[in-house]
Structure formats: structure tokens, C-alpha cells
Amino acid sequence: MQVRIPHVQAPVQRAFATPLPADAPNLLLVSGYKSGAIHVYDLDLGEHLQDIAPVPGAQSIVRGPDGFLYACAEDIHQVLRIDPTSLEILGPFVADDPKTEEDENAGLDGPTAAIFGPDGNLYVASFNTDEILRFDGSNGQFMDVFVEAAAGGLDGPDAGMLFGSDGKLYVPSFYTHQVLRFDGGSGASAGVFVEREPGGLDRPRAILFHGTEVLVASAGNGRINRYDPTGQFLGTLAQVPGPYCLAVHPEVPELFVCSGNSVESLDLETGEPLWTPVAPGSSSLSAATFHFFLNP
């Protein structure tokens, strides 16, 4: 295993296998579920810069149409809004107001994923109620239950939920060891996309569409599996302890993977380890669940 160590002397040399353009994104945000924060790293210097906290039970991070960042705080059942420049928490975007009798977040319980859909609204995975809830993308107000509880067998919708290019919603079903599909307009079940076998999918966390393939993080057995566009198993790209989030760097063909208390970089085509962007436990990072590339 070849590990590339960033130099901190001027001029700075990035640690990527492929040189980056001078203006490439170089900040990495990493959600620490157990550390209750979003940890910020400079990939140029290989340094921890600061923490965005508190984010109890930090999970997915997404940029909204308004430019702000939205992060799931699973332990307090909220989606927080974050200023991408100051990296300060601006307050809850989706939350229940304890001063009112109304349940403003519609029973949201354990949000793992929050993504903006083609309609501009926010879709939030409620892990403990097995639902996908839809909130107004401009003000966070509850709209409707987009995917009903346990629809299509959904059990434990996880952080890697996303909309595919076909308009369907793809959701890792953690406890049934499947990836499920739902109609992007109605939320109705569109069937199973990836079954547990073949490939031994075990506790899926994340999905990544890459070219003509789909990668799925199989956290239970430490595999990153490859599938074709119909969901047929093609093989295992890599073995990584407890893979969670999968994301390709926007400028180079490197696959970043949350693994335990670290973030690892793999060759996107072969799965071979390249380097460790975030070392285990760096800056008290504990249980890395998600990472997000941010411009400086």
C-alpha cells in the first residue's frame, strides 16, 4: 500500500495521485456521528482546520439551491443549515418547535439523509420510522410523507439516499440488505434495485452512480460492490472496513470512502488504496459517516 504524505512547506504539494488544478476544491467536511461534529480538513496541507459543532449524530451533508449547506443531526431529529463561508451553524431548518403542540417535523425520527429533489424540495430519510418525508425547500415546512412507512419493505433508510438520472429515488435499506427504488413523482415503490445476493450485500449505507456502474457500500462485510444499471452484481471493487459514504473527488478520479474513524482514497477503477486523506481519529473524529467536498 502506497501512502502519499502531504508536504506542508511552501510551495504546497497536494497528495492526490493526479495533480489538481490550482483552483480545485481543497476543503473536506467529514461528519463524525459519535464526535457530534462536522470536522473540516484542508486537503492541501493535510491539516484539520476546525469543527462545526454541535451536530449530534452528524450524518449527510448537501448543498441546497440557495448555496447553504444542510446537515442531518440524527440524535436530535433535525436538519441544520450551515453557512458555507463562515462554516457556522445558522440554526435548524427542519425541527420540531417544543413550544407548540404541533409536530412541525411530522415525527421525523433519526434523520440520516437529506437531499434536494428535482422539484427543489428537501427529502429526508427518517431512519427509525422507515419513511421518507418531504419538506418545503425554501422554508423547511413539512409537506407530506413521500414514502410511506415500510413501503416496498423499507427498513432503515440510510445516509446514501439519492435521486438517479432516471428520476427515481434510490434508498439503502439497512436492515433488509437491499437497495430499493421509488417513483420520483409519487413516492410509490418501484421495486428492489439490488438484492442481498449475489454479492453478499450486508447493511448498505451508500450508493454512487459512476459511468455505467453503480457502487454500493456494504458496511456489514466491508465491501464496495459493483452493479450494472439494472442492479446485476458485477463484482467487488474493494474491501474496506465498515465503508459508509462514497464520493468521487470533483477534479480527480479518486474514490473517497468513510471507513471507521478515517477517510481513505481508492483508485476508482481498480479499488487499490492510494492514500489516507483523514487519518484515523484525526481531531477527535469518531464514526465517520459522510464527507463533502467544499470550495475554500
C-alpha atoms as a PDB file:
ATOM      1  CA  MET A   1       0.000   0.000   0.000  1.00  0.00           C
ATOM      2  CA  GLN A   2       1.430   3.322  -1.070  1.00  0.00           C
ATOM      3  CA  VAL A   3       0.620   6.234   1.248  1.00  0.00           C
ATOM      4  CA  ARG A   4       1.162   9.746  -0.014  1.00  0.00           C
ATOM      5  CA  ILE A   5       2.052  12.238   2.692  1.00  0.00           C
ATOM      6  CA  PRO A   6       1.244  15.898   2.000  1.00  0.00           C
ATOM      7  CA  HIS A   7       4.073  18.414   2.344  1.00  0.00           C
ATOM      8  CA  VAL A   8       3.354  21.488   4.421  1.00  0.00           C
ATOM      9  CA  GLN A   9       6.341  23.545   3.275  1.00  0.00           C
ATOM     10  CA  ALA A  10       5.841  26.116   0.523  1.00  0.00           C
ATOM     11  CA  PRO A  11       5.074  25.510  -2.200  1.00  0.00           C
ATOM     12  CA  VAL A  12       2.315  23.158  -1.056  1.00  0.00           C
ATOM     13  CA  GLN A  13       2.146  19.833  -2.886  1.00  0.00           C
ATOM     14  CA  ARG A  14      -1.204  18.097  -2.907  1.00  0.00           C
ATOM     15  CA  ALA A  15      -1.273  14.424  -2.034  1.00  0.00           C
ATOM     16  CA  PHE A  16      -3.523  13.319  -4.874  1.00  0.00           C
ATOM     17  CA  ALA A  17      -2.392  10.675  -7.325  1.00  0.00           C
ATOM     18  CA  THR A  18      -3.333  13.063 -10.150  1.00  0.00           C
ATOM     19  CA  PRO A  19      -2.294  16.749  -9.947  1.00  0.00           C
ATOM     20  CA  LEU A  20      -5.163  19.136  -9.227  1.00  0.00           C
ATOM     21  CA  PRO A  21      -5.836  22.425 -10.982  1.00  0.00           C
ATOM     22  CA  ALA A  22      -4.755  25.400  -8.887  1.00  0.00           C
ATOM     23  CA  ASP A  23      -8.348  26.418  -8.150  1.00  0.00           C
ATOM     24  CA  ALA A  24      -9.652  22.919  -7.332  1.00  0.00           C
ATOM     25  CA  PRO A  25     -11.745  22.326  -4.205  1.00  0.00           C
ATOM     26  CA  ASN A  26      -9.456  21.519  -1.292  1.00  0.00           C
ATOM     27  CA  LEU A  27     -11.644  21.514   1.815  1.00  0.00           C
ATOM     28  CA  LEU A  28     -13.209  18.285   3.012  1.00  0.00           C
ATOM     29  CA  LEU A  29     -16.059  18.213   5.525  1.00  0.00           C
ATOM     30  CA  VAL A  30     -16.410  14.946   7.445  1.00  0.00           C
ATOM     31  CA  SER A  31     -19.381  14.083   9.642  1.00  0.00           C
ATOM     32  CA  GLY A  32     -18.456  12.442  12.929  1.00  0.00           C
ATOM     33  CA  TYR A  33     -21.503  10.605  14.238  1.00  0.00           C
ATOM     34  CA  LYS A  34     -20.060   9.860  17.667  1.00  0.00           C
ATOM     35  CA  SER A  35     -17.949  13.021  17.883  1.00  0.00           C
ATOM     36  CA  GLY A  36     -21.083  15.095  17.295  1.00  0.00           C
ATOM     37  CA  ALA A  37     -19.462  17.473  14.830  1.00  0.00           C
ATOM     38  CA  ILE A  38     -18.587  18.121  11.217  1.00  0.00           C
ATOM     39  CA  HIS A  39     -14.791  18.179  11.022  1.00  0.00           C
ATOM     40  CA  VAL A  40     -13.139  20.440   8.444  1.00  0.00           C
ATOM     41  CA  TYR A  41      -9.861  19.434   6.770  1.00  0.00           C
ATOM     42  CA  ASP A  42      -7.545  21.181   4.313  1.00  0.00           C
ATOM     43  CA  LEU A  43      -6.511  18.557   1.760  1.00  0.00           C
ATOM     44  CA  ASP A  44      -3.657  20.751   0.515  1.00  0.00           C
ATOM     45  CA  LEU A  45      -1.934  20.802   3.878  1.00  0.00           C
ATOM     46  CA  GLY A  46      -3.259  17.573   5.324  1.00  0.00           C
ATOM     47  CA  GLU A  47      -4.476  19.547   8.345  1.00  0.00           C
ATOM     48  CA  HIS A  48      -7.572  19.750  10.481  1.00  0.00           C
ATOM     49  CA  LEU A  49      -8.847  23.341  10.421  1.00  0.00           C
ATOM     50  CA  GLN A  50     -11.897  23.488  12.681  1.00  0.00           C
ATOM     51  CA  ASP A  51     -15.068  21.745  13.802  1.00  0.00           C
ATOM     52  CA  ILE A  52     -18.648  22.700  13.051  1.00  0.00           C
ATOM     53  CA  ALA A  53     -20.461  21.860  16.258  1.00  0.00           C
ATOM     54  CA  PRO A  54     -22.615  20.752  17.839  1.00  0.00           C
ATOM     55  CA  VAL A  55     -24.112  18.406  15.272  1.00  0.00           C
ATOM     56  CA  PRO A  56     -25.287  15.480  17.439  1.00  0.00           C
ATOM     57  CA  GLY A  57     -25.279  12.293  15.398  1.00  0.00           C
ATOM     58  CA  ALA A  58     -23.875  14.022  12.305  1.00  0.00           C
ATOM     59  CA  GLN A  59     -24.865  12.355   9.052  1.00  0.00           C
ATOM     60  CA  SER A  60     -25.351  13.531   5.461  1.00  0.00           C
ATOM     61  CA  ILE A  61     -24.343  16.961   4.126  1.00  0.00           C
ATOM     62  CA  VAL A  62     -25.752  18.573   0.995  1.00  0.00           C
ATOM     63  CA  ARG A  63     -25.619  21.990  -0.650  1.00  0.00           C
ATOM     64  CA  GLY A  64     -29.036  23.497  -1.254  1.00  0.00           C
ATOM     65  CA  PRO A  65     -30.231  25.548  -4.257  1.00  0.00           C
ATOM     66  CA  ASP A  66     -29.692  28.643  -2.085  1.00  0.00           C
ATOM     67  CA  GLY A  67     -25.999  27.816  -1.610  1.00  0.00           C
ATOM     68  CA  PHE A  68     -26.276  26.955   2.083  1.00  0.00           C
ATOM     69  CA  LEU A  69     -25.259  23.572   3.471  1.00  0.00           C
ATOM     70  CA  TYR A  70     -27.787  21.256   5.103  1.00  0.00           C
ATOM     71  CA  ALA A  71     -26.677  18.565   7.536  1.00  0.00           C
ATOM     72  CA  CYS A  72     -28.606  15.824   9.307  1.00  0.00           C
ATOM     73  CA  ALA A  73     -28.284  15.705  13.089  1.00  0.00           C
ATOM     74  CA  GLU A  74     -29.704  12.256  13.724  1.00  0.00           C
ATOM     75  CA  ASP A  75     -29.585  12.335  17.518  1.00  0.00           C
ATOM     76  CA  ILE A  76     -31.726  15.481  17.828  1.00  0.00           C
ATOM     77  CA  HIS A  77     -34.023  14.742  14.843  1.00  0.00           C
ATOM     78  CA  GLN A  78     -33.128  17.915  12.966  1.00  0.00           C
ATOM     79  CA  VAL A  79     -31.684  19.141   9.699  1.00  0.00           C
ATOM     80  CA  LEU A  80     -29.323  22.055  10.355  1.00  0.00           C
ATOM     81  CA  ARG A  81     -28.451  24.900   7.991  1.00  0.00           C
ATOM     82  CA  ILE A  82     -24.777  25.931   7.754  1.00  0.00           C
ATOM     83  CA  ASP A  83     -23.131  28.968   6.170  1.00  0.00           C
ATOM     84  CA  PRO A  84     -20.602  27.599   3.623  1.00  0.00           C
ATOM     85  CA  THR A  85     -18.310  30.628   4.026  1.00  0.00           C
ATOM     86  CA  SER A  86     -18.116  31.107   7.782  1.00  0.00           C
ATOM     87  CA  LEU A  87     -18.861  27.406   8.455  1.00  0.00           C
ATOM     88  CA  GLU A  88     -21.193  28.440  11.256  1.00  0.00           C
ATOM     89  CA  ILE A  89     -24.471  26.732  12.124  1.00  0.00           C
ATOM     90  CA  LEU A  90     -27.297  29.150  11.321  1.00  0.00           C
ATOM     91  CA  GLY A  91     -29.896  27.106  13.152  1.00  0.00           C
ATOM     92  CA  PRO A  92     -32.323  24.266  12.463  1.00  0.00           C
ATOM     93  CA  PHE A  93     -34.025  24.157   9.065  1.00  0.00           C
ATOM     94  CA  VAL A  94     -36.190  21.138   9.839  1.00  0.00           C
ATOM     95  CA  ALA A  95     -37.110  20.769  13.513  1.00  0.00           C
ATOM     96  CA  ASP A  96     -39.993  20.435  15.925  1.00  0.00           C
ATOM     97  CA  ASP A  97     -40.767  23.529  17.979  1.00  0.00           C
ATOM     98  CA  PRO A  98     -41.179  22.332  21.598  1.00  0.00           C
ATOM     99  CA  LYS A  99     -43.235  25.435  22.391  1.00  0.00           C
ATOM    100  CA  THR A 100     -46.102  24.364  20.137  1.00  0.00           C
ATOM    101  CA  GLU A 101     -48.471  21.406  20.208  1.00  0.00           C
ATOM    102  CA  GLU A 102     -47.982  20.868  16.503  1.00  0.00           C
ATOM    103  CA  ASP A 103     -45.286  18.440  15.399  1.00  0.00           C
ATOM    104  CA  GLU A 104     -43.568  20.616  12.797  1.00  0.00           C
ATOM    105  CA  ASN A 105     -41.207  17.885  11.632  1.00  0.00           C
ATOM    106  CA  ALA A 106     -44.021  15.312  11.236  1.00  0.00           C
ATOM    107  CA  GLY A 107     -42.461  12.758  13.549  1.00  0.00           C
ATOM    108  CA  LEU A 108     -39.036  12.807  11.913  1.00  0.00           C
ATOM    109  CA  ASP A 109     -37.034  10.304  13.944  1.00  0.00           C
ATOM    110  CA  GLY A 110     -33.343   9.760  13.282  1.00  0.00           C
ATOM    111  CA  PRO A 111     -32.682  11.637  10.025  1.00  0.00           C
ATOM    112  CA  THR A 112     -29.793  10.084   8.131  1.00  0.00           C
ATOM    113  CA  ALA A 113     -30.124  11.623   4.671  1.00  0.00           C
ATOM    114  CA  ALA A 114     -31.451  14.965   3.439  1.00  0.00           C
ATOM    115  CA  ILE A 115     -31.341  15.680  -0.290  1.00  0.00           C
ATOM    116  CA  PHE A 116     -32.946  18.230  -2.571  1.00  0.00           C
ATOM    117  CA  GLY A 117     -35.118  16.689  -5.244  1.00  0.00           C
ATOM    118  CA  PRO A 118     -35.781  17.746  -8.828  1.00  0.00           C
ATOM    119  CA  ASP A 119     -38.706  19.813  -7.525  1.00  0.00           C
ATOM    120  CA  GLY A 120     -36.416  21.843  -5.243  1.00  0.00           C
ATOM    121  CA  ASN A 121     -37.871  20.370  -2.064  1.00  0.00           C
ATOM    122  CA  LEU A 122     -35.992  18.574   0.704  1.00  0.00           C
ATOM    123  CA  TYR A 123     -36.404  14.812   1.088  1.00  0.00           C
ATOM    124  CA  VAL A 124     -35.377  13.448   4.471  1.00  0.00           C
ATOM    125  CA  ALA A 125     -34.860   9.804   5.422  1.00  0.00           C
ATOM    126  CA  SER A 126     -36.435   9.044   8.808  1.00  0.00           C
ATOM    127  CA  PHE A 127     -34.392   6.016   9.849  1.00  0.00           C
ATOM    128  CA  ASN A 128     -36.408   4.954  12.881  1.00  0.00           C
ATOM    129  CA  THR A 129     -39.849   5.258  11.249  1.00  0.00           C
ATOM    130  CA  ASP A 130     -38.836   3.842   7.843  1.00  0.00           C
ATOM    131  CA  GLU A 131     -40.267   6.820   5.955  1.00  0.00           C
ATOM    132  CA  ILE A 132     -39.097   9.469   3.534  1.00  0.00           C
ATOM    133  CA  LEU A 133     -40.566  12.856   4.468  1.00  0.00           C
ATOM    134  CA  ARG A 134     -40.782  15.862   2.160  1.00  0.00           C
ATOM    135  CA  PHE A 135     -40.237  19.433   3.358  1.00  0.00           C
ATOM    136  CA  ASP A 136     -40.530  22.738   1.538  1.00  0.00           C
ATOM    137  CA  GLY A 137     -37.084  23.505   0.130  1.00  0.00           C
ATOM    138  CA  SER A 138     -37.419  27.232   0.791  1.00  0.00           C
ATOM    139  CA  ASN A 139     -38.563  27.276   4.422  1.00  0.00           C
ATOM    140  CA  GLY A 140     -38.331  23.732   5.843  1.00  0.00           C
ATOM    141  CA  GLN A 141     -42.055  23.367   6.437  1.00  0.00           C
ATOM    142  CA  PHE A 142     -43.449  19.835   6.322  1.00  0.00           C
ATOM    143  CA  MET A 143     -45.247  18.983   3.083  1.00  0.00           C
ATOM    144  CA  ASP A 144     -46.066  15.288   3.105  1.00  0.00           C
ATOM    145  CA  VAL A 145     -44.932  11.730   3.685  1.00  0.00           C
ATOM    146  CA  PHE A 146     -43.334  10.986   0.339  1.00  0.00           C
ATOM    147  CA  VAL A 147     -42.573   7.300   1.016  1.00  0.00           C
ATOM    148  CA  GLU A 148     -44.922   5.652   3.474  1.00  0.00           C
ATOM    149  CA  ALA A 149     -43.565   3.662   6.409  1.00  0.00           C
ATOM    150  CA  ALA A 150     -42.045   0.329   5.305  1.00  0.00           C
ATOM    151  CA  ALA A 151     -43.198   0.838   1.707  1.00  0.00           C
ATOM    152  CA  GLY A 152     -41.586  -1.743  -0.564  1.00  0.00           C
ATOM    153  CA  GLY A 153     -40.067  -3.358   2.535  1.00  0.00           C
ATOM    154  CA  LEU A 154     -38.055  -0.260   3.518  1.00  0.00           C
ATOM    155  CA  ASP A 155     -36.366  -0.825   6.874  1.00  0.00           C
ATOM    156  CA  GLY A 156     -33.683   1.654   7.952  1.00  0.00           C
ATOM    157  CA  PRO A 157     -33.302   4.209   5.121  1.00  0.00           C
ATOM    158  CA  ASP A 158     -29.674   5.290   5.293  1.00  0.00           C
ATOM    159  CA  ALA A 159     -27.454   8.259   4.514  1.00  0.00           C
ATOM    160  CA  GLY A 160     -26.663   7.392   0.891  1.00  0.00           C
ATOM    161  CA  MET A 161     -30.176   8.050  -0.437  1.00  0.00           C
ATOM    162  CA  LEU A 162     -30.180   9.844  -3.799  1.00  0.00           C
ATOM    163  CA  PHE A 163     -32.136  10.581  -6.952  1.00  0.00           C
ATOM    164  CA  GLY A 164     -30.891   8.769 -10.040  1.00  0.00           C
ATOM    165  CA  SER A 165     -30.667  10.185 -13.549  1.00  0.00           C
ATOM    166  CA  ASP A 166     -33.838   8.224 -14.300  1.00  0.00           C
ATOM    167  CA  GLY A 167     -35.723  10.378 -11.790  1.00  0.00           C
ATOM    168  CA  LYS A 168     -36.253   7.541  -9.336  1.00  0.00           C
ATOM    169  CA  LEU A 169     -35.312   7.736  -5.664  1.00  0.00           C
ATOM    170  CA  TYR A 170     -32.741   5.129  -4.596  1.00  0.00           C
ATOM    171  CA  VAL A 171     -32.607   4.248  -0.901  1.00  0.00           C
ATOM    172  CA  PRO A 172     -30.267   1.899   1.010  1.00  0.00           C
ATOM    173  CA  SER A 173     -32.478  -0.316   3.175  1.00  0.00           C
ATOM    174  CA  PHE A 174     -30.063  -1.062   6.010  1.00  0.00           C
ATOM    175  CA  TYR A 175     -31.877  -3.879   7.782  1.00  0.00           C
ATOM    176  CA  THR A 176     -33.140  -5.736   4.702  1.00  0.00           C
ATOM    177  CA  HIS A 177     -29.712  -5.587   2.990  1.00  0.00           C
ATOM    178  CA  GLN A 178     -31.163  -4.152  -0.216  1.00  0.00           C
ATOM    179  CA  VAL A 179     -31.245  -1.012  -2.311  1.00  0.00           C
ATOM    180  CA  LEU A 180     -34.845  -0.021  -3.040  1.00  0.00           C
ATOM    181  CA  ARG A 181     -36.317   2.257  -5.704  1.00  0.00           C
ATOM    182  CA  PHE A 182     -39.266   4.615  -5.507  1.00  0.00           C
ATOM    183  CA  ASP A 183     -41.088   6.625  -8.139  1.00  0.00           C
ATOM    184  CA  GLY A 184     -39.655  10.148  -8.156  1.00  0.00           C
ATOM    185  CA  GLY A 185     -43.057  11.738  -8.629  1.00  0.00           C
ATOM    186  CA  SER A 186     -45.409   9.748  -6.424  1.00  0.00           C
ATOM    187  CA  GLY A 187     -43.083   8.015  -3.953  1.00  0.00           C
ATOM    188  CA  ALA A 188     -44.668   4.668  -4.780  1.00  0.00           C
ATOM    189  CA  SER A 189     -42.456   1.595  -4.579  1.00  0.00           C
ATOM    190  CA  ALA A 190     -40.647   0.836  -7.837  1.00  0.00           C
ATOM    191  CA  GLY A 191     -39.226  -2.441  -6.543  1.00  0.00           C
ATOM    192  CA  VAL A 192     -35.858  -3.739  -5.436  1.00  0.00           C
ATOM    193  CA  PHE A 193     -32.830  -2.429  -7.329  1.00  0.00           C
ATOM    194  CA  VAL A 194     -30.148  -4.509  -5.563  1.00  0.00           C
ATOM    195  CA  GLU A 195     -30.853  -7.720  -3.672  1.00  0.00           C
ATOM    196  CA  ARG A 196     -28.698  -9.111  -0.869  1.00  0.00           C
ATOM    197  CA  GLU A 197     -27.443 -11.960  -3.074  1.00  0.00           C
ATOM    198  CA  PRO A 198     -25.382 -12.392  -5.154  1.00  0.00           C
ATOM    199  CA  GLY A 199     -22.588 -10.221  -3.829  1.00  0.00           C
ATOM    200  CA  GLY A 200     -23.469 -10.605  -0.166  1.00  0.00           C
ATOM    201  CA  LEU A 201     -24.799  -7.070   0.318  1.00  0.00           C
ATOM    202  CA  ASP A 202     -24.809  -6.522   4.078  1.00  0.00           C
ATOM    203  CA  ARG A 203     -26.098  -3.336   5.721  1.00  0.00           C
ATOM    204  CA  PRO A 204     -25.837  -0.968   2.747  1.00  0.00           C
ATOM    205  CA  ARG A 205     -25.006   2.627   3.589  1.00  0.00           C
ATOM    206  CA  ALA A 206     -24.214   4.493   0.382  1.00  0.00           C
ATOM    207  CA  ILE A 207     -24.859   4.430  -3.362  1.00  0.00           C
ATOM    208  CA  LEU A 208     -22.730   6.017  -6.071  1.00  0.00           C
ATOM    209  CA  PHE A 209     -23.558   6.175  -9.778  1.00  0.00           C
ATOM    210  CA  HIS A 210     -20.301   6.178 -11.739  1.00  0.00           C
ATOM    211  CA  GLY A 211     -20.389   5.942 -15.502  1.00  0.00           C
ATOM    212  CA  THR A 212     -22.178   2.738 -16.423  1.00  0.00           C
ATOM    213  CA  GLU A 213     -21.785   1.217 -12.970  1.00  0.00           C
ATOM    214  CA  VAL A 214     -23.342   1.635  -9.546  1.00  0.00           C
ATOM    215  CA  LEU A 215     -21.201   1.279  -6.420  1.00  0.00           C
ATOM    216  CA  VAL A 216     -22.784   0.312  -3.106  1.00  0.00           C
ATOM    217  CA  ALA A 217     -21.074   0.457   0.295  1.00  0.00           C
ATOM    218  CA  SER A 218     -21.726  -2.824   2.110  1.00  0.00           C
ATOM    219  CA  ALA A 219     -20.819  -1.868   5.674  1.00  0.00           C
ATOM    220  CA  GLY A 220     -21.613  -5.203   7.302  1.00  0.00           C
ATOM    221  CA  ASN A 221     -18.923  -7.151   5.449  1.00  0.00           C
ATOM    222  CA  GLY A 222     -16.534  -4.347   4.444  1.00  0.00           C
ATOM    223  CA  ARG A 223     -17.130  -4.442   0.696  1.00  0.00           C
ATOM    224  CA  ILE A 224     -17.693  -1.879  -2.007  1.00  0.00           C
ATOM    225  CA  ASN A 225     -19.741  -3.788  -4.570  1.00  0.00           C
ATOM    226  CA  ARG A 226     -20.191  -3.051  -8.276  1.00  0.00           C
ATOM    227  CA  TYR A 227     -23.526  -3.376 -10.114  1.00  0.00           C
ATOM    228  CA  ASP A 228     -24.731  -2.650 -13.628  1.00  0.00           C
ATOM    229  CA  PRO A 229     -27.574  -0.163 -14.318  1.00  0.00           C
ATOM    230  CA  THR A 230     -30.149  -2.936 -13.863  1.00  0.00           C
ATOM    231  CA  GLY A 231     -28.819  -3.868 -10.429  1.00  0.00           C
ATOM    232  CA  GLN A 232     -26.965  -7.025 -11.501  1.00  0.00           C
ATOM    233  CA  PHE A 233     -23.867  -7.828  -9.433  1.00  0.00           C
ATOM    234  CA  LEU A 234     -20.564  -7.342 -11.286  1.00  0.00           C
ATOM    235  CA  GLY A 235     -18.069  -7.984  -8.512  1.00  0.00           C
ATOM    236  CA  THR A 236     -16.400  -6.324  -5.543  1.00  0.00           C
ATOM    237  CA  LEU A 237     -14.297  -3.244  -6.209  1.00  0.00           C
ATOM    238  CA  ALA A 238     -12.554  -3.144  -2.828  1.00  0.00           C
ATOM    239  CA  GLN A 239     -12.505  -4.406   0.747  1.00  0.00           C
ATOM    240  CA  VAL A 240     -12.665  -1.525   3.232  1.00  0.00           C
ATOM    241  CA  PRO A 241     -13.527  -1.828   6.938  1.00  0.00           C
ATOM    242  CA  GLY A 242     -17.042  -0.510   7.509  1.00  0.00           C
ATOM    243  CA  PRO A 243     -17.456   1.606   4.361  1.00  0.00           C
ATOM    244  CA  TYR A 244     -20.036   4.333   4.773  1.00  0.00           C
ATOM    245  CA  CYS A 245     -20.048   7.321   2.396  1.00  0.00           C
ATOM    246  CA  LEU A 246     -18.779   7.085  -1.200  1.00  0.00           C
ATOM    247  CA  ALA A 247     -17.833  10.167  -3.232  1.00  0.00           C
ATOM    248  CA  VAL A 248     -15.573  10.942  -6.168  1.00  0.00           C
ATOM    249  CA  HIS A 249     -13.371  13.999  -5.866  1.00  0.00           C
ATOM    250  CA  PRO A 250     -14.661  16.635  -8.334  1.00  0.00           C
ATOM    251  CA  GLU A 251     -11.285  17.069 -10.029  1.00  0.00           C
ATOM    252  CA  VAL A 252      -9.509  13.708  -9.950  1.00  0.00           C
ATOM    253  CA  PRO A 253     -10.618  10.068 -10.363  1.00  0.00           C
ATOM    254  CA  GLU A 254     -10.206   9.108  -6.717  1.00  0.00           C
ATOM    255  CA  LEU A 255     -12.898   7.450  -4.651  1.00  0.00           C
ATOM    256  CA  PHE A 256     -13.098   8.832  -1.102  1.00  0.00           C
ATOM    257  CA  VAL A 257     -14.579   6.409   1.432  1.00  0.00           C
ATOM    258  CA  CYS A 258     -15.534   6.955   5.061  1.00  0.00           C
ATOM    259  CA  SER A 259     -14.120   3.953   6.919  1.00  0.00           C
ATOM    260  CA  GLY A 260     -14.474   3.747  10.677  1.00  0.00           C
ATOM    261  CA  ASN A 261     -12.747   6.815  12.088  1.00  0.00           C
ATOM    262  CA  SER A 262     -10.927   7.805   8.892  1.00  0.00           C
ATOM    263  CA  VAL A 263     -11.341   8.709   5.238  1.00  0.00           C
ATOM    264  CA  GLU A 264      -9.499   6.617   2.658  1.00  0.00           C
ATOM    265  CA  SER A 265      -8.786   7.268  -1.036  1.00  0.00           C
ATOM    266  CA  LEU A 266      -9.033   4.430  -3.565  1.00  0.00           C
ATOM    267  CA  ASP A 267      -8.313   4.112  -7.253  1.00  0.00           C
ATOM    268  CA  LEU A 268     -11.728   4.454  -8.850  1.00  0.00           C
ATOM    269  CA  GLU A 269     -11.104   1.754 -11.449  1.00  0.00           C
ATOM    270  CA  THR A 270      -9.089  -0.858  -9.540  1.00  0.00           C
ATOM    271  CA  GLY A 271     -10.072  -0.218  -5.920  1.00  0.00           C
ATOM    272  CA  GLU A 272      -6.417  -0.115  -4.868  1.00  0.00           C
ATOM    273  CA  PRO A 273      -5.620   2.073  -1.824  1.00  0.00           C
ATOM    274  CA  LEU A 274      -3.946   5.360  -2.752  1.00  0.00           C
ATOM    275  CA  TRP A 275      -3.579   7.444   0.419  1.00  0.00           C
ATOM    276  CA  THR A 276      -5.339   8.448   3.642  1.00  0.00           C
ATOM    277  CA  PRO A 277      -6.809  11.965   3.402  1.00  0.00           C
ATOM    278  CA  VAL A 278      -8.013  11.844   7.031  1.00  0.00           C
ATOM    279  CA  ALA A 279      -6.071   9.653   9.440  1.00  0.00           C
ATOM    280  CA  PRO A 280      -7.927   7.526  11.989  1.00  0.00           C
ATOM    281  CA  GLY A 281      -9.280   9.629  14.832  1.00  0.00           C
ATOM    282  CA  SER A 282      -7.860  12.880  13.464  1.00  0.00           C
ATOM    283  CA  SER A 283      -9.088  15.866  15.533  1.00  0.00           C
ATOM    284  CA  SER A 284     -11.242  13.500  17.622  1.00  0.00           C
ATOM    285  CA  LEU A 285     -13.202  12.311  14.578  1.00  0.00           C
ATOM    286  CA  SER A 286     -15.271   9.340  15.694  1.00  0.00           C
ATOM    287  CA  ALA A 287     -17.532   7.214  13.476  1.00  0.00           C
ATOM    288  CA  ALA A 288     -17.136   8.982  10.138  1.00  0.00           C
ATOM    289  CA  THR A 289     -20.460   8.760   8.315  1.00  0.00           C
ATOM    290  CA  PHE A 290     -20.291  11.254   5.477  1.00  0.00           C
ATOM    291  CA  HIS A 291     -17.917  13.543   3.608  1.00  0.00           C
ATOM    292  CA  PHE A 292     -18.461  16.554   1.391  1.00  0.00           C
ATOM    293  CA  PHE A 293     -16.072  18.467  -0.864  1.00  0.00           C
ATOM    294  CA  LEU A 294     -16.207  22.230  -0.370  1.00  0.00           C
ATOM    295  CA  ASN A 295     -14.528  25.095  -2.224  1.00  0.00           C
ATOM    296  CA  PRO A 296     -12.296  27.236   0.018  1.00  0.00           C
END
